Amino acid sequence: MDVIIPAYNEESGIVQSVHSVRLNTYPHKRILVVNDGSSDRTLSKLRYYKRKYKADDLLIINQQNGGKAHAINNAL
């Protein structure tokens, strides 16, 4: 199962969101977070989280801002 999280300037809650999904007991999940051109620290917080927790189930996609629909389509 893949979980797609589009993120635009979500530095205040993105780590909590990702961590919450990772705690879910559903087997064989992959989390795709699409950073949609954030101008805050969303991307750096995601990268730090991935390194700190060795989150192999977390894929971070970084793109220029294109909107939520574009972010979801890019993840698909």
Protein backbone atom coordinates (compact mmCIF):
# COMPACT_ATOMS: atom_id res chain seq x y z
CA MET A 1 0.00 0.00 0.00
CA ASP A 2 1.28 3.45 -0.88
CA VAL A 3 0.35 6.54 1.11
CA ILE A 4 0.75 9.82 -0.79
CA ILE A 5 1.20 13.03 1.17
CA PRO A 6 1.35 16.24 -0.89
CA ALA A 7 3.10 18.95 1.11
CA TYR A 8 3.37 22.67 0.53
CA ASN A 9 4.85 24.73 3.40
CA GLU A 10 3.96 22.09 5.98
CA GLU A 11 7.03 22.41 8.21
CA SER A 12 4.94 22.66 11.38
CA GLY A 13 3.19 19.31 10.93
CA ILE A 14 4.86 17.21 8.26
CA VAL A 15 7.06 15.19 10.62
CA GLN A 16 4.11 14.36 12.86
CA SER A 17 2.05 13.31 9.84
CA VAL A 18 4.76 11.04 8.45
CA HIS A 19 5.50 9.55 11.86
CA SER A 20 1.81 8.82 12.41
CA VAL A 21 1.56 6.95 9.12
CA ARG A 22 4.75 5.01 9.90
CA LEU A 23 3.29 3.88 13.22
CA ASN A 24 0.34 2.31 11.43
CA THR A 25 0.58 -1.48 11.58
CA TYR A 26 -0.52 -2.05 7.99
CA PRO A 27 2.14 -4.31 6.42
CA HIS A 28 4.19 -3.46 3.33
CA LYS A 29 3.44 0.24 3.19
CA ARG A 30 5.41 2.95 1.46
CA ILE A 31 5.04 6.65 2.16
CA LEU A 32 5.51 9.08 -0.70
CA VAL A 33 5.77 12.70 0.36
CA VAL A 34 5.74 15.18 -2.50
CA ASN A 35 7.28 18.48 -1.51
CA ASP A 36 5.47 20.85 -3.84
CA GLY A 37 7.98 23.71 -3.99
CA SER A 38 7.79 24.66 -0.33
CA SER A 39 9.52 27.89 0.63
CA ASP A 40 9.82 26.93 4.29
CA ARG A 41 11.78 24.07 5.93
CA THR A 42 9.44 21.24 4.89
CA LEU A 43 12.04 19.52 2.72
CA SER A 44 14.87 19.79 5.24
CA LYS A 45 12.66 18.42 8.02
CA LEU A 46 11.66 15.46 5.85
CA ARG A 47 15.28 14.70 4.95
CA TYR A 48 16.34 14.95 8.58
CA TYR A 49 13.53 12.61 9.66
CA LYS A 50 14.46 10.07 6.98
CA ARG A 51 18.11 10.04 8.11
CA LYS A 52 17.40 10.04 11.85
CA TYR A 53 14.90 7.17 11.78
CA LYS A 54 16.47 5.30 8.85
CA ALA A 55 13.03 5.46 7.21
CA ASP A 56 13.49 3.21 4.19
CA ASP A 57 9.72 3.19 3.71
CA LEU A 58 9.74 6.96 3.12
CA LEU A 59 10.26 8.34 -0.38
CA ILE A 60 10.64 12.10 -0.72
CA ILE A 61 9.83 13.65 -4.07
CA ASN A 62 10.83 17.28 -4.55
CA GLN A 63 9.23 19.30 -7.33
CA GLN A 64 8.54 22.88 -8.32
CA ASN A 65 5.21 24.19 -7.11
CA GLY A 66 2.46 22.89 -9.33
CA GLY A 67 -0.45 22.42 -6.96
CA LYS A 68 -1.90 19.54 -5.01
CA ALA A 69 -3.25 17.62 -8.02
CA HIS A 70 0.10 17.82 -9.82
CA ALA A 71 1.88 16.61 -6.68
CA ILE A 72 -0.41 13.60 -6.32
CA ASN A 73 -0.13 12.77 -10.03
CA ASN A 74 3.65 13.00 -9.82
CA ALA A 75 3.66 10.50 -6.96
CA LEU A 76 1.48 8.09 -8.91
